[in-house]
Amino acid sequence: MKEQKIDRRVRKTKSALLKCLTKLMSQKKLNDITVKELTELADVNRSTFYLYYKDIFDMVEQIETEMFDEFIKIFQSLNKENDRYANFLSFYTYIFEYVQSNAEICKILLGHDGDYAFIQKFKDAIMQTKPPFNGAISEIKIHFLRPFIISGFIGVVQQWLEDGLNVPPKDMAIIMTEINSTAIHP
């Protein structure tokens, strides 16, 4: 019972830190944010911050890693489906819903003035998932198709964020799945 209470407090503290980091990152560059100003804004003791993170960059890296792990986990579970269209649709629906739920941090990390290193890591994480093409496409085509689809997807997410998320996630997923289908089978 006590362990569950600690977990809830940890989640609440990390959530407050993330919310305040997002606010600060919308005002200034990550390099200019100090642990002191973050913890004061979040009303969290600095020693508590250091229980979870080495510094601001470690915090951002942990946030990114959690995002990537979540994306890969969901994609690997979807990869077991036989229907490629449903597979992509499910994956894209999940990603667009995730982006919508985490819009502020995604705007900062994926936006046009975003963190290029994060965008590259995002591409690399998706590249690792290797969507199933069930032998329907040659290996050489897959080799070039994957980075094309991934870069296009990131561009679509960036545009969606810039437009204020004005299209529902499910509709965005359908659009991306149809784009994929066209790219795979023109």
C-alpha atoms as a PDB file:
ATOM      1  CA  MET A   1       0.000   0.000   0.000  1.00  0.00           C
ATOM      2  CA  LYS A   2       2.800   2.432   0.909  1.00  0.00           C
ATOM      3  CA  GLU A   3       4.720   1.659  -2.314  1.00  0.00           C
ATOM      4  CA  GLN A   4       1.700   2.695  -4.404  1.00  0.00           C
ATOM      5  CA  LYS A   5       1.556   6.025  -2.543  1.00  0.00           C
ATOM      6  CA  ILE A   6       5.253   6.642  -3.272  1.00  0.00           C
ATOM      7  CA  ASP A   7       4.726   5.837  -6.941  1.00  0.00           C
ATOM      8  CA  ARG A   8       1.859   8.308  -7.119  1.00  0.00           C
ATOM      9  CA  ARG A   9       3.969  11.030  -5.482  1.00  0.00           C
ATOM     10  CA  VAL A  10       6.869  10.320  -7.820  1.00  0.00           C
ATOM     11  CA  ARG A  11       4.554  10.552 -10.833  1.00  0.00           C
ATOM     12  CA  LYS A  12       3.051  13.775  -9.513  1.00  0.00           C
ATOM     13  CA  THR A  13       6.485  15.312  -8.909  1.00  0.00           C
ATOM     14  CA  LYS A  14       7.800  14.285 -12.316  1.00  0.00           C
ATOM     15  CA  SER A  15       4.627  15.577 -13.932  1.00  0.00           C
ATOM     16  CA  ALA A  16       5.025  18.964 -12.228  1.00  0.00           C
ATOM     17  CA  LEU A  17       8.660  19.132 -13.341  1.00  0.00           C
ATOM     18  CA  LEU A  18       7.713  18.224 -16.912  1.00  0.00           C
ATOM     19  CA  LYS A  19       4.942  20.820 -17.024  1.00  0.00           C
ATOM     20  CA  CYS A  20       7.289  23.531 -15.779  1.00  0.00           C
ATOM     21  CA  LEU A  21      10.117  22.420 -18.073  1.00  0.00           C
ATOM     22  CA  THR A  22       7.729  22.657 -21.006  1.00  0.00           C
ATOM     23  CA  LYS A  23       6.757  26.167 -19.937  1.00  0.00           C
ATOM     24  CA  LEU A  24      10.396  27.229 -19.620  1.00  0.00           C
ATOM     25  CA  MET A  25      11.348  25.624 -22.950  1.00  0.00           C
ATOM     26  CA  SER A  26       8.636  27.646 -24.661  1.00  0.00           C
ATOM     27  CA  GLN A  27      10.332  30.801 -23.358  1.00  0.00           C
ATOM     28  CA  LYS A  28      14.036  30.012 -23.737  1.00  0.00           C
ATOM     29  CA  LYS A  29      16.557  27.507 -25.024  1.00  0.00           C
ATOM     30  CA  LEU A  30      17.226  24.350 -23.021  1.00  0.00           C
ATOM     31  CA  ASN A  31      20.858  25.416 -22.422  1.00  0.00           C
ATOM     32  CA  ASP A  32      19.607  28.506 -20.585  1.00  0.00           C
ATOM     33  CA  ILE A  33      17.320  26.659 -18.151  1.00  0.00           C
ATOM     34  CA  THR A  34      18.735  25.975 -14.699  1.00  0.00           C
ATOM     35  CA  VAL A  35      17.705  23.332 -12.192  1.00  0.00           C
ATOM     36  CA  LYS A  36      17.149  26.116  -9.668  1.00  0.00           C
ATOM     37  CA  GLU A  37      14.611  27.997 -11.801  1.00  0.00           C
ATOM     38  CA  LEU A  38      12.862  24.754 -12.824  1.00  0.00           C
ATOM     39  CA  THR A  39      12.487  23.505  -9.262  1.00  0.00           C
ATOM     40  CA  GLU A  40      11.356  26.920  -7.999  1.00  0.00           C
ATOM     41  CA  LEU A  41       8.715  27.122 -10.721  1.00  0.00           C
ATOM     42  CA  ALA A  42       7.576  23.542 -10.028  1.00  0.00           C
ATOM     43  CA  ASP A  43       7.701  24.130  -6.258  1.00  0.00           C
ATOM     44  CA  VAL A  44       9.902  21.062  -5.885  1.00  0.00           C
ATOM     45  CA  ASN A  45      13.017  20.831  -3.742  1.00  0.00           C
ATOM     46  CA  ARG A  46      16.246  20.671  -5.763  1.00  0.00           C
ATOM     47  CA  SER A  47      17.347  17.573  -3.861  1.00  0.00           C
ATOM     48  CA  THR A  48      14.122  15.894  -5.006  1.00  0.00           C
ATOM     49  CA  PHE A  49      14.961  16.795  -8.613  1.00  0.00           C
ATOM     50  CA  TYR A  50      18.396  15.184  -8.188  1.00  0.00           C
ATOM     51  CA  LEU A  51      16.796  11.968  -6.909  1.00  0.00           C
ATOM     52  CA  TYR A  52      15.457  11.429 -10.433  1.00  0.00           C
ATOM     53  CA  TYR A  53      17.791  13.342 -12.757  1.00  0.00           C
ATOM     54  CA  LYS A  54      21.464  14.325 -13.003  1.00  0.00           C
ATOM     55  CA  ASP A  55      20.647  17.628 -14.705  1.00  0.00           C
ATOM     56  CA  ILE A  56      18.174  19.234 -17.112  1.00  0.00           C
ATOM     57  CA  PHE A  57      19.637  17.366 -20.086  1.00  0.00           C
ATOM     58  CA  ASP A  58      19.256  14.038 -18.291  1.00  0.00           C
ATOM     59  CA  MET A  59      15.621  14.899 -17.605  1.00  0.00           C
ATOM     60  CA  VAL A  60      14.973  15.654 -21.276  1.00  0.00           C
ATOM     61  CA  GLU A  61      16.801  12.490 -22.311  1.00  0.00           C
ATOM     62  CA  GLN A  62      14.700  10.387 -19.932  1.00  0.00           C
ATOM     63  CA  ILE A  63      11.503  11.969 -21.302  1.00  0.00           C
ATOM     64  CA  GLU A  64      12.633  11.227 -24.857  1.00  0.00           C
ATOM     65  CA  THR A  65      13.598   7.656 -23.968  1.00  0.00           C
ATOM     66  CA  GLU A  66      10.208   7.030 -22.356  1.00  0.00           C
ATOM     67  CA  MET A  67       8.502   8.328 -25.498  1.00  0.00           C
ATOM     68  CA  PHE A  68      10.614   6.171 -27.800  1.00  0.00           C
ATOM     69  CA  ASP A  69      10.179   3.072 -25.657  1.00  0.00           C
ATOM     70  CA  GLU A  70       6.420   3.596 -25.696  1.00  0.00           C
ATOM     71  CA  PHE A  71       6.341   4.029 -29.498  1.00  0.00           C
ATOM     72  CA  ILE A  72       8.462   0.951 -30.123  1.00  0.00           C
ATOM     73  CA  LYS A  73       6.459  -1.164 -27.663  1.00  0.00           C
ATOM     74  CA  ILE A  74       3.161  -0.269 -29.310  1.00  0.00           C
ATOM     75  CA  PHE A  75       4.534  -0.765 -32.807  1.00  0.00           C
ATOM     76  CA  GLN A  76       5.996  -4.166 -31.940  1.00  0.00           C
ATOM     77  CA  SER A  77       2.643  -5.282 -30.554  1.00  0.00           C
ATOM     78  CA  LEU A  78       0.924  -4.080 -33.733  1.00  0.00           C
ATOM     79  CA  ASN A  79       3.554  -5.748 -35.904  1.00  0.00           C
ATOM     80  CA  LYS A  80       2.027  -9.103 -34.980  1.00  0.00           C
ATOM     81  CA  GLU A  81      -1.137  -8.260 -36.910  1.00  0.00           C
ATOM     82  CA  ASN A  82      -1.351  -9.651 -40.432  1.00  0.00           C
ATOM     83  CA  ASP A  83      -3.309  -6.788 -41.962  1.00  0.00           C
ATOM     84  CA  ARG A  84      -0.718  -4.166 -42.933  1.00  0.00           C
ATOM     85  CA  TYR A  85      -3.337  -1.392 -43.384  1.00  0.00           C
ATOM     86  CA  ALA A  86      -4.843  -2.023 -39.935  1.00  0.00           C
ATOM     87  CA  ASN A  87      -1.323  -2.235 -38.510  1.00  0.00           C
ATOM     88  CA  PHE A  88      -0.330   1.205 -39.811  1.00  0.00           C
ATOM     89  CA  LEU A  89      -3.719   2.699 -38.948  1.00  0.00           C
ATOM     90  CA  SER A  90      -3.455   1.470 -35.341  1.00  0.00           C
ATOM     91  CA  PHE A  91       0.123   2.705 -35.021  1.00  0.00           C
ATOM     92  CA  TYR A  92      -0.617   6.137 -36.464  1.00  0.00           C
ATOM     93  CA  THR A  93      -3.781   6.494 -34.381  1.00  0.00           C
ATOM     94  CA  TYR A  94      -1.770   5.761 -31.255  1.00  0.00           C
ATOM     95  CA  ILE A  95       0.994   8.221 -32.210  1.00  0.00           C
ATOM     96  CA  PHE A  96      -1.390  11.055 -33.096  1.00  0.00           C
ATOM     97  CA  GLU A  97      -3.338  10.512 -29.863  1.00  0.00           C
ATOM     98  CA  TYR A  98      -0.055  10.524 -27.940  1.00  0.00           C
ATOM     99  CA  VAL A  99       1.070  13.748 -29.630  1.00  0.00           C
ATOM    100  CA  GLN A 100      -2.299  15.353 -28.897  1.00  0.00           C
ATOM    101  CA  SER A 101      -2.121  14.307 -25.223  1.00  0.00           C
ATOM    102  CA  ASN A 102       1.440  15.631 -24.944  1.00  0.00           C
ATOM    103  CA  ALA A 103       1.044  18.558 -27.328  1.00  0.00           C
ATOM    104  CA  GLU A 104       3.076  21.124 -25.410  1.00  0.00           C
ATOM    105  CA  ILE A 105       6.250  19.050 -25.090  1.00  0.00           C
ATOM    106  CA  CYS A 106       5.813  17.701 -28.632  1.00  0.00           C
ATOM    107  CA  LYS A 107       5.503  21.257 -30.010  1.00  0.00           C
ATOM    108  CA  ILE A 108       8.788  22.120 -28.360  1.00  0.00           C
ATOM    109  CA  LEU A 109      10.665  18.951 -29.323  1.00  0.00           C
ATOM    110  CA  LEU A 110       9.171  18.401 -32.795  1.00  0.00           C
ATOM    111  CA  GLY A 111       8.261  21.956 -33.766  1.00  0.00           C
ATOM    112  CA  HIS A 112      10.050  23.827 -36.530  1.00  0.00           C
ATOM    113  CA  ASP A 113      12.396  25.375 -33.953  1.00  0.00           C
ATOM    114  CA  GLY A 114      12.568  22.018 -32.192  1.00  0.00           C
ATOM    115  CA  ASP A 115      15.462  19.905 -31.084  1.00  0.00           C
ATOM    116  CA  TYR A 116      17.096  18.478 -34.217  1.00  0.00           C
ATOM    117  CA  ALA A 117      18.824  15.771 -32.159  1.00  0.00           C
ATOM    118  CA  PHE A 118      15.426  14.689 -30.814  1.00  0.00           C
ATOM    119  CA  ILE A 119      13.956  14.582 -34.308  1.00  0.00           C
ATOM    120  CA  GLN A 120      16.889  12.443 -35.463  1.00  0.00           C
ATOM    121  CA  LYS A 121      16.458  10.105 -32.471  1.00  0.00           C
ATOM    122  CA  PHE A 122      12.741   9.928 -33.261  1.00  0.00           C
ATOM    123  CA  LYS A 123      13.554   8.900 -36.839  1.00  0.00           C
ATOM    124  CA  ASP A 124      16.084   6.328 -35.619  1.00  0.00           C
ATOM    125  CA  ALA A 125      13.607   4.860 -33.112  1.00  0.00           C
ATOM    126  CA  ILE A 126      10.962   4.405 -35.798  1.00  0.00           C
ATOM    127  CA  MET A 127      13.563   2.996 -38.226  1.00  0.00           C
ATOM    128  CA  GLN A 128      14.299   0.246 -35.687  1.00  0.00           C
ATOM    129  CA  THR A 129      10.693  -0.956 -35.738  1.00  0.00           C
ATOM    130  CA  LYS A 130      10.898  -2.335 -39.299  1.00  0.00           C
ATOM    131  CA  PRO A 131       7.252  -2.486 -40.372  1.00  0.00           C
ATOM    132  CA  PRO A 132       6.196  -5.778 -41.938  1.00  0.00           C
ATOM    133  CA  PHE A 133       5.834  -5.718 -45.699  1.00  0.00           C
ATOM    134  CA  ASN A 134       5.228  -9.492 -45.921  1.00  0.00           C
ATOM    135  CA  GLY A 135       7.581  -9.903 -48.881  1.00  0.00           C
ATOM    136  CA  ALA A 136       5.330  -7.738 -51.055  1.00  0.00           C
ATOM    137  CA  ILE A 137       8.117  -5.218 -51.702  1.00  0.00           C
ATOM    138  CA  SER A 138      11.757  -5.702 -52.661  1.00  0.00           C
ATOM    139  CA  GLU A 139      14.406  -5.137 -49.994  1.00  0.00           C
ATOM    140  CA  ILE A 140      15.967  -2.289 -51.984  1.00  0.00           C
ATOM    141  CA  LYS A 141      12.620  -0.483 -52.201  1.00  0.00           C
ATOM    142  CA  ILE A 142      12.039  -0.997 -48.463  1.00  0.00           C
ATOM    143  CA  HIS A 143      15.535   0.371 -47.781  1.00  0.00           C
ATOM    144  CA  PHE A 144      14.575   3.718 -49.349  1.00  0.00           C
ATOM    145  CA  LEU A 145      10.865   3.670 -48.585  1.00  0.00           C
ATOM    146  CA  ARG A 146      11.263   3.521 -44.796  1.00  0.00           C
ATOM    147  CA  PRO A 147      13.218   6.799 -44.396  1.00  0.00           C
ATOM    148  CA  PHE A 148      10.877   8.450 -46.921  1.00  0.00           C
ATOM    149  CA  ILE A 149       7.771   7.457 -44.958  1.00  0.00           C
ATOM    150  CA  ILE A 150       9.340   8.335 -41.597  1.00  0.00           C
ATOM    151  CA  SER A 151      10.506  11.784 -42.713  1.00  0.00           C
ATOM    152  CA  GLY A 152       7.115  12.437 -44.275  1.00  0.00           C
ATOM    153  CA  PHE A 153       5.374  11.330 -41.098  1.00  0.00           C
ATOM    154  CA  ILE A 154       7.479  13.676 -38.972  1.00  0.00           C
ATOM    155  CA  GLY A 155       6.719  16.513 -41.393  1.00  0.00           C
ATOM    156  CA  VAL A 156       2.996  15.781 -41.161  1.00  0.00           C
ATOM    157  CA  VAL A 157       3.153  15.752 -37.335  1.00  0.00           C
ATOM    158  CA  GLN A 158       5.036  19.062 -37.378  1.00  0.00           C
ATOM    159  CA  GLN A 159       2.433  20.597 -39.696  1.00  0.00           C
ATOM    160  CA  TRP A 160      -0.394  19.238 -37.540  1.00  0.00           C
ATOM    161  CA  LEU A 161       1.189  20.777 -34.428  1.00  0.00           C
ATOM    162  CA  GLU A 162       1.699  24.084 -36.252  1.00  0.00           C
ATOM    163  CA  ASP A 163      -1.957  24.049 -37.352  1.00  0.00           C
ATOM    164  CA  GLY A 164      -3.056  23.685 -33.731  1.00  0.00           C
ATOM    165  CA  LEU A 165      -4.090  20.009 -33.900  1.00  0.00           C
ATOM    166  CA  ASN A 166      -7.204  21.046 -35.805  1.00  0.00           C
ATOM    167  CA  VAL A 167      -7.816  17.577 -37.302  1.00  0.00           C
ATOM    168  CA  PRO A 168      -8.795  14.668 -35.002  1.00  0.00           C
ATOM    169  CA  PRO A 169      -6.049  12.054 -34.399  1.00  0.00           C
ATOM    170  CA  LYS A 170      -8.093   9.259 -36.026  1.00  0.00           C
ATOM    171  CA  ASP A 171      -8.486  11.336 -39.210  1.00  0.00           C
ATOM    172  CA  MET A 172      -4.760  12.126 -39.212  1.00  0.00           C
ATOM    173  CA  ALA A 173      -4.046   8.402 -38.865  1.00  0.00           C
ATOM    174  CA  ILE A 174      -6.268   7.637 -41.865  1.00  0.00           C
ATOM    175  CA  ILE A 175      -4.496  10.308 -43.924  1.00  0.00           C
ATOM    176  CA  MET A 176      -1.056   8.908 -43.045  1.00  0.00           C
ATOM    177  CA  THR A 177      -2.141   5.316 -43.675  1.00  0.00           C
ATOM    178  CA  GLU A 178      -3.474   6.279 -47.103  1.00  0.00           C
ATOM    179  CA  ILE A 179      -0.222   8.117 -47.871  1.00  0.00           C
ATOM    180  CA  ASN A 180       1.677   4.961 -46.877  1.00  0.00           C
ATOM    181  CA  SER A 181      -0.519   2.794 -49.068  1.00  0.00           C
ATOM    182  CA  THR A 182       0.094   5.097 -52.027  1.00  0.00           C
ATOM    183  CA  ALA A 183       3.853   5.109 -51.412  1.00  0.00           C
ATOM    184  CA  ILE A 184       3.989   1.329 -51.059  1.00  0.00           C
ATOM    185  CA  HIS A 185       1.652   0.491 -53.948  1.00  0.00           C
ATOM    186  CA  PRO A 186       1.472   3.503 -56.321  1.00  0.00           C
END
